[in-house]
């Protein structure tokens, strides 16, 4: 049963990819003023096939929401890396450097020089 659900999910994902490619080719054909009837009919057939697979998937107990291709691509699989906090010495150096850049330090330098 679980294998069947996984197989259906794999087929659904494949169909979604095919549909995205087909939609892109239709947009390209429309942008270049070409006939896209054949591509549109194939896309409608893919949608019907997808509907059948999703219905079968939900009847077998597939209750979670299926992510779209764009959602899956946005997922971040990298390990989270925490930024190292600056040490007390580094913070003190930054504070001192920032103070030197102020207008008061600039005036003192002008008067001395």
N, C-alpha and C. Protein backbone atom coordinates (compact mmCIF):
# COMPACT_ATOMS: atom_id res chain seq x y z
N UNK A 1 0.83 -1.19 0.00
CA UNK A 1 0.00 0.00 0.00
C UNK A 1 0.88 1.26 0.00
N UNK A 2 1.86 1.30 0.92
CA UNK A 2 2.74 2.46 1.01
C UNK A 2 3.57 2.60 -0.27
N UNK A 3 3.99 1.47 -0.84
CA UNK A 3 4.75 1.51 -2.09
C UNK A 3 3.89 2.09 -3.21
N UNK A 4 2.62 1.71 -3.21
CA UNK A 4 1.70 2.21 -4.24
C UNK A 4 1.54 3.72 -4.11
N UNK A 5 1.44 4.22 -2.85
CA UNK A 5 1.32 5.66 -2.63
C UNK A 5 2.57 6.39 -3.13
N UNK A 6 3.73 5.83 -2.83
CA UNK A 6 4.98 6.45 -3.29
C UNK A 6 5.08 6.45 -4.81
N UNK A 7 4.64 5.34 -5.40
CA UNK A 7 4.65 5.26 -6.87
C UNK A 7 3.73 6.31 -7.48
N UNK A 8 2.56 6.50 -6.89
CA UNK A 8 1.63 7.51 -7.38
C UNK A 8 2.21 8.91 -7.22
N UNK A 9 2.84 9.17 -6.08
CA UNK A 9 3.47 10.48 -5.86
C UNK A 9 4.55 10.74 -6.90
N UNK A 10 5.33 9.71 -7.21
CA UNK A 10 6.40 9.85 -8.20
C UNK A 10 5.80 10.16 -9.58
N UNK A 11 4.71 9.46 -9.93
CA UNK A 11 4.06 9.72 -11.22
C UNK A 11 3.47 11.13 -11.27
N UNK A 12 2.87 11.55 -10.16
CA UNK A 12 2.28 12.89 -10.08
C UNK A 12 3.36 13.95 -10.24
N UNK A 13 4.49 13.76 -9.59
CA UNK A 13 5.59 14.72 -9.72
C UNK A 13 6.10 14.78 -11.16
N UNK A 14 6.22 13.62 -11.78
CA UNK A 14 6.65 13.58 -13.18
C UNK A 14 5.68 14.29 -14.10
N UNK A 15 4.39 14.06 -13.86
CA UNK A 15 3.37 14.72 -14.68
C UNK A 15 3.42 16.24 -14.50
N UNK A 16 3.64 16.68 -13.28
CA UNK A 16 3.71 18.12 -13.03
C UNK A 16 4.88 18.74 -13.79
N UNK A 17 6.01 18.05 -13.81
CA UNK A 17 7.15 18.55 -14.56
C UNK A 17 6.84 18.62 -16.05
N UNK A 18 6.20 17.57 -16.58
CA UNK A 18 5.81 17.57 -17.99
C UNK A 18 4.86 18.72 -18.29
N UNK A 19 3.92 18.96 -17.37
CA UNK A 19 2.95 20.02 -17.57
C UNK A 19 3.64 21.39 -17.57
N UNK A 20 4.61 21.59 -16.69
CA UNK A 20 5.34 22.86 -16.67
C UNK A 20 6.09 23.07 -17.98
N UNK A 21 6.73 22.01 -18.49
CA UNK A 21 7.42 22.11 -19.77
C UNK A 21 6.45 22.42 -20.90
N UNK A 22 5.31 21.74 -20.87
CA UNK A 22 4.30 21.95 -21.91
C UNK A 22 3.77 23.39 -21.85
N UNK A 23 3.51 23.91 -20.65
CA UNK A 23 3.03 25.28 -20.51
C UNK A 23 4.06 26.27 -21.02
N UNK A 24 5.33 26.01 -20.76
CA UNK A 24 6.39 26.89 -21.25
C UNK A 24 6.44 26.88 -22.78
N UNK A 25 6.28 25.70 -23.37
CA UNK A 25 6.31 25.63 -24.84
C UNK A 25 5.09 26.33 -25.43
N UNK A 26 3.95 26.24 -24.77
CA UNK A 26 2.74 26.93 -25.25
C UNK A 26 2.97 28.44 -25.20
N UNK A 27 3.54 28.93 -24.08
CA UNK A 27 3.82 30.37 -23.99
C UNK A 27 4.77 30.81 -25.09
N UNK A 28 5.78 30.00 -25.36
CA UNK A 28 6.73 30.32 -26.42
C UNK A 28 6.03 30.36 -27.78
N UNK A 29 5.16 29.39 -28.03
CA UNK A 29 4.44 29.37 -29.31
C UNK A 29 3.53 30.59 -29.44
N UNK A 30 2.84 30.95 -28.36
CA UNK A 30 1.95 32.11 -28.40
C UNK A 30 2.77 33.38 -28.62
N UNK A 31 3.92 33.50 -27.94
CA UNK A 31 4.75 34.69 -28.09
C UNK A 31 5.29 34.85 -29.50
N UNK A 32 5.46 33.75 -30.22
CA UNK A 32 5.96 33.81 -31.59
C UNK A 32 4.83 33.65 -32.62
N UNK A 33 3.59 33.85 -32.19
CA UNK A 33 2.41 33.80 -33.06
C UNK A 33 2.30 32.50 -33.84
N UNK A 34 2.56 31.38 -33.16
CA UNK A 34 2.41 30.07 -33.80
C UNK A 34 1.20 29.36 -33.21
N UNK A 35 0.71 28.37 -33.91
CA UNK A 35 -0.44 27.59 -33.47
C UNK A 35 -0.04 26.66 -32.32
N UNK A 36 -0.76 26.75 -31.21
CA UNK A 36 -0.45 25.91 -30.05
C UNK A 36 -1.57 24.93 -29.72
N UNK A 37 -2.43 24.65 -30.68
CA UNK A 37 -3.58 23.77 -30.46
C UNK A 37 -3.14 22.38 -30.02
N UNK A 38 -2.18 21.81 -30.72
CA UNK A 38 -1.72 20.46 -30.40
C UNK A 38 -1.13 20.40 -28.99
N UNK A 39 -0.31 21.38 -28.64
CA UNK A 39 0.29 21.41 -27.31
C UNK A 39 -0.77 21.60 -26.23
N UNK A 40 -1.74 22.44 -26.49
CA UNK A 40 -2.81 22.69 -25.52
C UNK A 40 -3.65 21.43 -25.30
N UNK A 41 -3.92 20.69 -26.38
CA UNK A 41 -4.69 19.44 -26.23
C UNK A 41 -3.90 18.40 -25.42
N UNK A 42 -2.58 18.33 -25.67
CA UNK A 42 -1.75 17.41 -24.89
C UNK A 42 -1.71 17.81 -23.42
N UNK A 43 -1.67 19.12 -23.16
CA UNK A 43 -1.68 19.61 -21.78
C UNK A 43 -2.99 19.25 -21.09
N UNK A 44 -4.10 19.37 -21.80
CA UNK A 44 -5.40 19.00 -21.21
C UNK A 44 -5.43 17.50 -20.91
N UNK A 45 -4.83 16.69 -21.77
CA UNK A 45 -4.75 15.25 -21.51
C UNK A 45 -3.91 14.96 -20.27
N UNK A 46 -2.80 15.68 -20.12
CA UNK A 46 -1.96 15.51 -18.92
C UNK A 46 -2.73 15.90 -17.66
N UNK A 47 -3.52 16.95 -17.75
CA UNK A 47 -4.32 17.37 -16.60
C UNK A 47 -5.36 16.32 -16.22
N UNK A 48 -5.97 15.70 -17.23
CA UNK A 48 -6.93 14.63 -16.94
C UNK A 48 -6.23 13.45 -16.27
N UNK A 49 -5.07 13.10 -16.77
CA UNK A 49 -4.31 12.00 -16.19
C UNK A 49 -3.90 12.33 -14.75
N UNK A 50 -3.50 13.57 -14.52
CA UNK A 50 -3.14 14.00 -13.17
C UNK A 50 -4.32 13.92 -12.23
N UNK A 51 -5.49 14.32 -12.69
CA UNK A 51 -6.69 14.26 -11.87
C UNK A 51 -7.00 12.83 -11.45
N UNK A 52 -6.86 11.89 -12.38
CA UNK A 52 -7.11 10.48 -12.08
C UNK A 52 -6.11 9.98 -11.03
N UNK A 53 -4.84 10.32 -11.20
CA UNK A 53 -3.81 9.87 -10.26
C UNK A 53 -4.01 10.47 -8.87
N UNK A 54 -4.37 11.74 -8.80
CA UNK A 54 -4.59 12.37 -7.49
C UNK A 54 -5.80 11.76 -6.81
N UNK A 55 -6.84 11.47 -7.57
CA UNK A 55 -8.03 10.83 -6.99
C UNK A 55 -7.68 9.45 -6.44
N UNK A 56 -6.91 8.68 -7.20
CA UNK A 56 -6.49 7.35 -6.75
C UNK A 56 -5.59 7.47 -5.51
N UNK A 57 -4.71 8.43 -5.52
CA UNK A 57 -3.80 8.66 -4.40
C UNK A 57 -4.58 8.98 -3.12
N UNK A 58 -5.60 9.85 -3.24
CA UNK A 58 -6.38 10.21 -2.06
C UNK A 58 -7.25 9.06 -1.58
N UNK A 59 -7.73 8.21 -2.50
CA UNK A 59 -8.53 7.04 -2.10
C UNK A 59 -7.69 6.02 -1.34
N UNK A 60 -6.38 5.95 -1.66
CA UNK A 60 -5.49 5.01 -0.98
C UNK A 60 -5.00 5.55 0.36
N UNK A 61 -5.43 6.74 0.72
CA UNK A 61 -5.05 7.27 2.03
C UNK A 61 -4.01 8.36 1.99
N UNK A 62 -3.71 8.84 0.83
CA UNK A 62 -2.76 9.96 0.73
C UNK A 62 -3.45 11.23 1.16
N UNK A 63 -3.28 11.60 2.42
CA UNK A 63 -4.01 12.75 2.94
C UNK A 63 -3.22 14.02 3.03
N UNK A 64 -1.88 13.94 3.04
CA UNK A 64 -1.13 15.17 3.16
C UNK A 64 -1.20 15.95 1.86
N UNK A 65 -0.97 17.23 1.98
CA UNK A 65 -1.02 18.12 0.83
C UNK A 65 0.22 17.89 -0.02
N UNK A 66 0.03 17.73 -1.30
CA UNK A 66 1.16 17.53 -2.21
C UNK A 66 1.81 18.87 -2.51
N UNK A 67 3.10 19.01 -2.30
CA UNK A 67 3.76 20.28 -2.61
C UNK A 67 3.89 20.47 -4.12
N UNK A 68 3.85 21.72 -4.53
CA UNK A 68 4.04 22.02 -5.95
C UNK A 68 5.53 21.99 -6.26
N UNK A 69 5.86 22.03 -7.54
CA UNK A 69 7.26 22.02 -7.96
C UNK A 69 7.99 23.24 -7.40
N UNK A 70 7.34 24.40 -7.47
CA UNK A 70 7.99 25.62 -7.00
C UNK A 70 8.25 25.55 -5.49
N UNK A 71 7.33 24.99 -4.72
CA UNK A 71 7.54 24.85 -3.28
C UNK A 71 8.69 23.90 -2.99
N UNK A 72 8.79 22.82 -3.75
CA UNK A 72 9.88 21.87 -3.53
C UNK A 72 11.22 22.47 -3.87
N UNK A 73 11.26 23.30 -4.91
CA UNK A 73 12.52 23.93 -5.28
C UNK A 73 12.96 24.98 -4.28
N UNK A 74 12.01 25.61 -3.60
CA UNK A 74 12.34 26.63 -2.61
C UNK A 74 12.85 26.06 -1.30
N UNK A 75 12.61 24.76 -1.07
CA UNK A 75 13.05 24.17 0.19
C UNK A 75 14.56 24.27 0.32
N UNK A 76 14.97 24.55 1.52
CA UNK A 76 16.40 24.71 1.78
C UNK A 76 16.90 23.45 2.46
N UNK A 77 17.81 22.74 1.81
CA UNK A 77 18.33 21.50 2.37
C UNK A 77 19.68 21.69 3.04
N UNK A 78 20.17 22.91 3.09
CA UNK A 78 21.46 23.17 3.71
C UNK A 78 21.34 23.14 5.23
N UNK A 79 22.42 22.73 5.87
CA UNK A 79 22.44 22.74 7.33
C UNK A 79 22.48 24.18 7.81
N UNK A 80 21.78 24.42 8.89
CA UNK A 80 21.74 25.77 9.44
C UNK A 80 23.07 26.06 10.12
N UNK A 81 23.67 27.18 9.75
CA UNK A 81 24.94 27.59 10.36
C UNK A 81 24.69 28.87 11.13
N UNK A 82 24.96 28.81 12.42
CA UNK A 82 24.78 30.00 13.23
C UNK A 82 25.99 30.91 13.05
N UNK A 83 25.72 32.17 13.02
CA UNK A 83 26.79 33.15 12.86
C UNK A 83 27.52 33.28 14.19
N UNK A 84 28.83 33.25 14.12
CA UNK A 84 29.64 33.33 15.32
C UNK A 84 29.57 34.74 15.87
N UNK A 85 29.25 34.86 17.16
CA UNK A 85 29.16 36.17 17.79
C UNK A 85 30.56 36.75 17.96
N UNK A 86 30.72 38.05 17.74
CA UNK A 86 32.05 38.65 17.89
C UNK A 86 32.49 38.60 19.35
N UNK A 87 33.81 38.45 19.54
CA UNK A 87 34.33 38.38 20.90
C UNK A 87 34.27 39.78 21.52
N UNK A 88 34.54 39.84 22.81
CA UNK A 88 34.48 41.10 23.53
C UNK A 88 35.52 42.08 22.97
N UNK A 89 36.71 41.57 22.61
CA UNK A 89 37.76 42.42 22.06
C UNK A 89 37.32 43.01 20.72
N UNK A 90 36.72 42.17 19.86
CA UNK A 90 36.27 42.66 18.56
C UNK A 90 35.20 43.73 18.70
N UNK A 91 34.30 43.55 19.64
CA UNK A 91 33.26 44.55 19.87
C UNK A 91 33.87 45.86 20.35
N UNK A 92 34.87 45.77 21.21
CA UNK A 92 35.53 46.97 21.72
C UNK A 92 36.26 47.70 20.59
N UNK A 93 36.93 46.95 19.70
CA UNK A 93 37.63 47.55 18.57
C UNK A 93 36.64 48.27 17.66
N UNK A 94 35.51 47.64 17.38
CA UNK A 94 34.50 48.25 16.52
C UNK A 94 33.98 49.54 17.14
N UNK A 95 33.76 49.51 18.45
CA UNK A 95 33.23 50.68 19.14
C UNK A 95 34.22 51.84 19.04
N UNK A 96 35.52 51.54 19.25
CA UNK A 96 36.53 52.58 19.18
C UNK A 96 36.70 53.12 17.77
N UNK A 97 36.72 52.23 16.78
CA UNK A 97 36.85 52.67 15.39
C UNK A 97 35.68 53.54 14.98
N UNK A 98 34.50 53.18 15.42
CA UNK A 98 33.31 53.96 15.07
C UNK A 98 33.37 55.34 15.67
N UNK A 99 33.92 55.49 16.88
CA UNK A 99 34.02 56.78 17.53
C UNK A 99 34.99 57.70 16.82
N UNK A 100 36.06 57.16 16.25
CA UNK A 100 37.06 57.98 15.55
C UNK A 100 36.49 58.60 14.29
N UNK A 101 35.53 57.98 13.69
CA UNK A 101 34.99 58.47 12.43
C UNK A 101 34.03 59.63 12.63
N UNK A 102 33.70 59.92 13.85
CA UNK A 102 32.75 61.00 14.13
C UNK A 102 33.33 62.36 13.80
N UNK A 103 32.48 63.37 13.74
CA UNK A 103 32.92 64.71 13.36
C UNK A 103 33.81 65.34 14.42
N UNK A 104 33.62 65.00 15.70
CA UNK A 104 34.45 65.58 16.77
C UNK A 104 35.90 65.15 16.61
N UNK A 105 36.16 63.90 16.30
CA UNK A 105 37.53 63.42 16.12
C UNK A 105 38.14 64.08 14.89
N UNK A 106 37.36 64.31 13.88
CA UNK A 106 37.85 64.94 12.66
C UNK A 106 38.27 66.39 12.95
N UNK A 107 37.48 67.10 13.78
CA UNK A 107 37.82 68.49 14.13
C UNK A 107 39.09 68.55 14.95
N UNK A 108 39.26 67.61 15.90
CA UNK A 108 40.45 67.58 16.72
C UNK A 108 41.69 67.36 15.85
N UNK A 109 41.61 66.48 14.86
CA UNK A 109 42.73 66.23 13.98
C UNK A 109 43.09 67.49 13.16
N UNK A 110 42.07 68.19 12.71
CA UNK A 110 42.32 69.40 11.92
C UNK A 110 43.04 70.47 12.75
N UNK A 111 42.58 70.59 14.00
CA UNK A 111 43.18 71.62 14.87
C UNK A 111 44.63 71.27 15.21
N UNK A 112 44.91 69.98 15.41
CA UNK A 112 46.26 69.54 15.74
C UNK A 112 47.21 69.66 14.55
N UNK A 113 46.68 69.48 13.38
CA UNK A 113 47.55 69.43 12.21
C UNK A 113 47.72 70.72 11.57
